[in-house]
Amino acid sequence: MQPSEPFTIENRGGIAWLTLDRPEKHNAMDFEFFEVLLQHLQNLTDDSDVRVVVIKAAGKSFSAGTDLSSAAALVGSGGADERRNLHRKILALQQGISSVENCCKPVIAAIHGHCIGGGVDLICACDIRIAEKSTLFSIRETRMGIVADLGTLQRLPRIIGEGRTRELALSGRDFNAAEAYEMGLVTQVCEGRENLYDAAHALARQIAENPPLTVMGVKDVINYSRDHGVDAGLRYVAQKNAAMLLPEDLMEAFAAFKEKRKPHFKGK
């Protein structure tokens, strides 16, 4: 019997809703999860009808993290061959999470319930994170005898700072949505799931109404500048704008402003 698809996808008006869909497992992440996530993000990157991706989850939890039964099966008895296999597998799982960051379209995480371990890895790879007020987060791997290895320790310091990251990662403690907002991990806290998804949709719609090539360029330049520094980032954006600015988008923006209407961009 084949395992069920761990996601559902719905594209509504240029916004792709990618839903974690293993509610009976609290959206725990087995090996298939990461493989299929990589496939979906590659497809969404290539889909010119998609301008923004929103990641949400079915059931009571955003994600309980990595499926422990899958992880235990991979570790086995800890022999040399198994450790080499584990190393290769971790690198493959990392690709799944990194595909979110590498997607040229903006990715918003709409988080509720529990966001534990691998769930934190996933949201750290997103561009924007918003949460329902009762959400609980934890870098739980430390309490399980594991060094978080799918991106939290690399990405979270750039989001909330190194000091905060060290405290949360070394303790593995739970923290709530209010604290996540105060430290800058999430940019909005919403009352209830319906308001959470309404807020995600409103934000995604606002982004989707901008010229798509410009939006992708903004994400690309932010990531490049983060990784290479200010001077290299300035040179990069100068070259990018010189090469890719679309006169028709600029003219439409100017015309819309003059005519006091919303612009209608046609970029791919």
Protein backbone atom coordinates (compact mmCIF):
# COMPACT_ATOMS: atom_id res chain seq x y z
CA MET A 1 0.00 0.00 0.00
CA GLN A 2 1.44 3.37 -1.06
CA PRO A 3 1.68 6.12 1.59
CA SER A 4 -0.76 8.97 1.18
CA GLU A 5 0.29 12.28 -0.33
CA PRO A 6 1.51 14.45 2.60
CA PHE A 7 0.30 17.70 0.97
CA THR A 8 -2.63 19.22 -0.83
CA ILE A 9 -2.24 22.19 -3.17
CA GLU A 10 -4.82 24.72 -4.29
CA ASN A 11 -4.06 27.69 -6.54
CA ARG A 12 -6.50 30.55 -6.04
CA GLY A 13 -5.89 33.71 -8.03
CA GLY A 14 -2.12 33.36 -8.19
CA ILE A 15 -1.80 32.28 -4.54
CA ALA A 16 -0.82 28.63 -4.07
CA TRP A 17 -1.98 27.17 -0.75
CA LEU A 18 0.34 24.29 0.13
CA THR A 19 -1.27 22.40 3.02
CA LEU A 20 0.55 19.90 5.22
CA ASP A 21 -2.00 17.10 5.19
CA ARG A 22 -1.16 14.37 7.70
CA PRO A 23 -3.47 15.55 10.48
CA GLU A 24 -3.71 12.08 12.00
CA LYS A 25 0.07 12.26 12.58
CA HIS A 26 0.04 15.93 13.62
CA ASN A 27 1.82 16.56 10.29
CA ALA A 28 4.95 14.74 11.41
CA MET A 29 7.56 14.73 8.65
CA ASP A 30 8.55 11.31 7.32
CA PHE A 31 11.08 10.77 4.52
CA GLU A 32 8.44 11.08 1.82
CA PHE A 33 7.44 14.49 3.19
CA PHE A 34 10.81 16.01 2.31
CA GLU A 35 10.97 14.39 -1.12
CA VAL A 36 7.48 15.54 -2.07
CA LEU A 37 8.08 19.02 -0.61
CA LEU A 38 11.09 19.39 -2.91
CA GLN A 39 9.02 18.31 -5.93
CA HIS A 40 6.17 20.69 -5.10
CA LEU A 41 8.43 23.70 -4.57
CA GLN A 42 10.23 23.04 -7.84
CA ASN A 43 6.86 22.87 -9.60
CA LEU A 44 5.63 26.06 -7.93
CA THR A 45 8.85 27.83 -8.90
CA ASP A 46 8.24 26.90 -12.54
CA ASP A 47 4.51 27.72 -12.55
CA SER A 48 4.04 31.20 -14.04
CA ASP A 49 0.46 31.31 -12.69
CA VAL A 50 1.74 31.23 -9.10
CA ARG A 51 2.93 34.49 -7.58
CA VAL A 52 2.92 33.69 -3.85
CA VAL A 53 2.97 30.44 -1.85
CA VAL A 54 1.25 30.07 1.54
CA ILE A 55 2.16 27.03 3.65
CA LYS A 56 -0.45 26.00 6.20
CA ALA A 57 -1.50 22.76 7.88
CA ALA A 58 -4.57 20.59 8.38
CA GLY A 59 -5.57 19.34 11.81
CA LYS A 60 -4.64 20.52 15.28
CA SER A 61 -0.92 21.14 14.71
CA PHE A 62 1.21 22.85 12.09
CA SER A 63 3.81 20.12 12.57
CA ALA A 64 5.03 17.89 15.37
CA GLY A 65 8.41 17.73 13.60
CA THR A 66 10.33 14.82 12.16
CA ASP A 67 8.57 11.46 12.32
CA LEU A 68 10.51 9.70 15.06
CA SER A 69 9.73 6.21 13.81
CA SER A 70 11.32 7.04 10.45
CA ALA A 71 14.34 8.59 12.14
CA ALA A 72 14.82 5.60 14.45
CA ALA A 73 14.70 3.18 11.53
CA LEU A 74 17.42 5.12 9.73
CA VAL A 75 19.80 5.26 12.71
CA GLY A 76 19.57 1.52 13.32
CA SER A 77 22.39 0.07 15.40
CA GLY A 78 24.80 2.88 14.57
CA GLY A 79 27.28 0.90 12.49
CA ALA A 80 29.67 2.57 10.05
CA ASP A 81 27.56 1.83 6.97
CA GLU A 82 24.42 3.07 8.70
CA ARG A 83 26.17 6.30 9.72
CA ARG A 84 27.29 6.94 6.15
CA ASN A 85 23.74 6.31 4.99
CA LEU A 86 22.43 8.64 7.70
CA HIS A 87 24.78 11.38 6.52
CA ARG A 88 23.55 11.06 2.93
CA LYS A 89 19.93 11.01 4.08
CA ILE A 90 20.30 14.16 6.20
CA LEU A 91 21.75 16.00 3.20
CA ALA A 92 18.76 14.88 1.10
CA LEU A 93 16.28 16.00 3.77
CA GLN A 94 18.02 19.37 3.95
CA GLN A 95 17.36 19.85 0.24
CA GLY A 96 13.64 19.51 0.89
CA ILE A 97 13.64 22.34 3.44
CA SER A 98 16.04 24.48 1.39
CA SER A 99 13.70 24.25 -1.60
CA VAL A 100 11.37 26.61 0.29
CA GLU A 101 14.07 29.25 0.62
CA ASN A 102 15.26 28.64 -2.95
CA CYS A 103 11.77 29.05 -4.44
CA CYS A 104 11.82 32.30 -6.42
CA LYS A 105 8.27 33.10 -5.27
CA PRO A 106 7.67 34.56 -1.78
CA VAL A 107 6.60 31.90 0.74
CA ILE A 108 4.41 32.74 3.75
CA ALA A 109 4.00 30.34 6.69
CA ALA A 110 0.60 30.44 8.45
CA ILE A 111 1.27 28.59 11.70
CA HIS A 112 -1.08 27.21 14.36
CA GLY A 113 -1.12 24.64 17.14
CA HIS A 114 2.33 23.14 17.65
CA CYS A 115 5.37 23.97 15.53
CA ILE A 116 8.04 21.63 16.84
CA GLY A 117 11.51 20.61 15.65
CA GLY A 118 11.30 20.12 11.89
CA GLY A 119 8.35 22.51 11.84
CA VAL A 120 10.70 25.27 12.99
CA ASP A 121 13.19 24.23 10.28
CA LEU A 122 10.40 24.64 7.72
CA ILE A 123 9.15 28.06 8.84
CA CYS A 124 12.69 29.43 9.09
CA ALA A 125 13.07 28.74 5.36
CA CYS A 126 9.95 30.82 4.61
CA ASP A 127 10.09 34.52 3.81
CA ILE A 128 7.34 35.62 6.19
CA ARG A 129 5.78 33.89 9.20
CA ILE A 130 2.46 34.65 10.91
CA ALA A 131 0.92 32.64 13.74
CA GLU A 132 -2.31 31.96 15.59
CA LYS A 133 -2.04 33.23 19.17
CA SER A 134 -2.15 29.79 20.84
CA THR A 135 0.77 28.41 18.80
CA LEU A 136 3.63 26.79 20.70
CA PHE A 137 7.12 26.52 19.21
CA SER A 138 10.15 24.50 20.27
CA ILE A 139 13.56 23.52 18.95
CA ARG A 140 12.78 20.19 20.51
CA GLU A 141 15.67 18.21 18.97
CA THR A 142 18.03 19.19 21.80
CA ARG A 143 15.77 17.53 24.37
CA MET A 144 15.73 14.39 22.19
CA GLY A 145 19.53 14.09 22.00
CA ILE A 146 19.72 15.43 18.43
CA VAL A 147 21.50 18.47 17.00
CA ALA A 148 18.91 20.24 14.82
CA ASP A 149 20.19 19.56 11.33
CA LEU A 150 17.66 20.84 8.77
CA GLY A 151 18.31 24.57 8.89
CA THR A 152 17.11 26.08 12.16
CA LEU A 153 20.62 26.61 13.57
CA GLN A 154 21.72 28.23 10.31
CA ARG A 155 18.66 30.39 9.52
CA LEU A 156 17.14 31.32 12.87
CA PRO A 157 20.08 33.49 14.05
CA ARG A 158 19.57 35.69 10.98
CA ILE A 159 15.90 36.12 11.89
CA ILE A 160 15.97 36.64 15.67
CA GLY A 161 19.66 37.08 16.48
CA GLU A 162 22.31 34.72 17.76
CA GLY A 163 21.69 35.25 21.47
CA ARG A 164 18.00 34.36 21.28
CA THR A 165 18.77 31.38 19.05
CA ARG A 166 21.36 30.02 21.47
CA GLU A 167 18.93 30.25 24.38
CA LEU A 168 16.10 28.51 22.54
CA ALA A 169 18.27 25.86 20.89
CA LEU A 170 20.36 25.00 23.93
CA SER A 171 17.34 24.74 26.25
CA GLY A 172 14.86 23.27 23.76
CA ARG A 173 12.14 25.05 25.74
CA ASP A 174 8.66 25.87 24.48
CA PHE A 175 7.83 29.46 23.56
CA ASN A 176 4.51 30.94 22.53
CA ALA A 177 3.29 33.15 19.69
CA ALA A 178 3.55 36.34 21.75
CA GLU A 179 7.22 35.67 22.44
CA ALA A 180 7.79 34.66 18.81
CA TYR A 181 6.33 38.03 17.77
CA GLU A 182 8.39 39.97 20.31
CA MET A 183 11.63 38.38 19.05
CA GLY A 184 10.71 38.87 15.37
CA LEU A 185 10.19 35.24 14.36
CA VAL A 186 6.61 36.03 13.33
CA THR A 187 5.33 39.38 12.04
CA GLN A 188 1.66 38.95 12.97
CA VAL A 189 -0.29 37.11 15.68
CA CYS A 190 -3.94 36.34 14.90
CA GLU A 191 -6.93 35.31 16.98
CA GLY A 192 -8.19 31.94 15.65
CA ARG A 193 -7.51 29.92 12.52
CA GLU A 194 -9.98 31.79 10.33
CA ASN A 195 -8.34 35.13 11.09
CA LEU A 196 -4.93 33.56 10.56
CA TYR A 197 -5.81 32.43 7.04
CA ASP A 198 -7.58 35.69 6.26
CA ALA A 199 -4.42 37.56 7.26
CA ALA A 200 -2.24 35.22 5.18
CA HIS A 201 -4.51 35.71 2.18
CA ALA A 202 -4.56 39.50 2.55
CA LEU A 203 -0.77 39.64 2.74
CA ALA A 204 -0.32 37.22 -0.16
CA ARG A 205 -2.81 39.22 -2.25
CA GLN A 206 -0.95 42.45 -1.53
CA ILE A 207 2.31 40.84 -2.68
CA ALA A 208 0.68 39.21 -5.73
CA GLU A 209 -0.62 42.57 -6.96
CA ASN A 210 2.95 43.83 -7.40
CA PRO A 211 4.92 43.16 -10.62
CA PRO A 212 5.91 39.47 -10.36
CA LEU A 213 9.43 39.89 -11.75
CA THR A 214 10.06 42.71 -9.29
CA VAL A 215 8.79 40.63 -6.37
CA MET A 216 11.05 37.73 -7.34
CA GLY A 217 13.91 40.19 -7.75
CA VAL A 218 13.36 41.61 -4.27
CA LYS A 219 13.53 38.14 -2.71
CA ASP A 220 16.61 37.27 -4.73
CA VAL A 221 18.44 40.48 -3.77
CA ILE A 222 17.58 40.15 -0.07
CA ASN A 223 18.92 36.59 0.00
CA TYR A 224 22.01 37.49 -2.03
CA SER A 225 22.82 40.49 0.15
CA ARG A 226 22.34 38.44 3.31
CA ASP A 227 24.81 35.84 2.08
CA HIS A 228 27.39 38.15 0.43
CA GLY A 229 27.26 41.45 2.31
CA VAL A 230 26.19 45.03 1.59
CA ASP A 231 28.73 46.02 -1.07
CA ALA A 232 28.27 42.86 -3.12
CA GLY A 233 24.50 43.19 -2.70
CA LEU A 234 24.54 46.75 -4.02
CA ARG A 235 26.52 45.73 -7.08
CA TYR A 236 24.17 42.78 -7.61
CA VAL A 237 20.98 44.85 -7.48
CA ALA A 238 22.46 47.48 -9.82
CA GLN A 239 23.21 44.79 -12.38
CA LYS A 240 19.83 43.13 -11.86
CA ASN A 241 17.82 46.32 -12.37
CA ALA A 242 19.86 47.30 -15.40
CA ALA A 243 19.14 43.90 -16.95
CA MET A 244 15.55 43.19 -15.95
CA LEU A 245 13.55 46.38 -15.41
CA LEU A 246 10.45 46.15 -17.62
CA PRO A 247 9.45 49.49 -19.20
CA GLU A 248 5.84 48.32 -19.52
CA ASP A 249 5.60 47.64 -15.77
CA LEU A 250 7.04 51.06 -14.98
CA MET A 251 4.69 52.81 -17.38
CA GLU A 252 1.70 50.92 -15.97
CA ALA A 253 2.70 51.86 -12.42
CA PHE A 254 3.02 55.53 -13.38
CA ALA A 255 -0.28 55.49 -15.30
CA ALA A 256 -2.13 53.81 -12.45
CA PHE A 257 -0.80 56.36 -9.96
CA LYS A 258 -1.84 59.23 -12.21
CA GLU A 259 -5.29 57.73 -12.84
CA LYS A 260 -5.77 56.78 -9.16
CA ARG A 261 -6.41 53.10 -9.89
CA LYS A 262 -4.77 49.76 -9.17
CA PRO A 263 -2.06 48.81 -11.66
CA HIS A 264 -2.39 45.66 -13.77
CA PHE A 265 0.99 44.07 -14.31
CA LYS A 266 1.57 41.43 -16.97
CA GLY A 267 5.02 40.16 -16.01
CA LYS A 268 5.68 36.43 -15.99
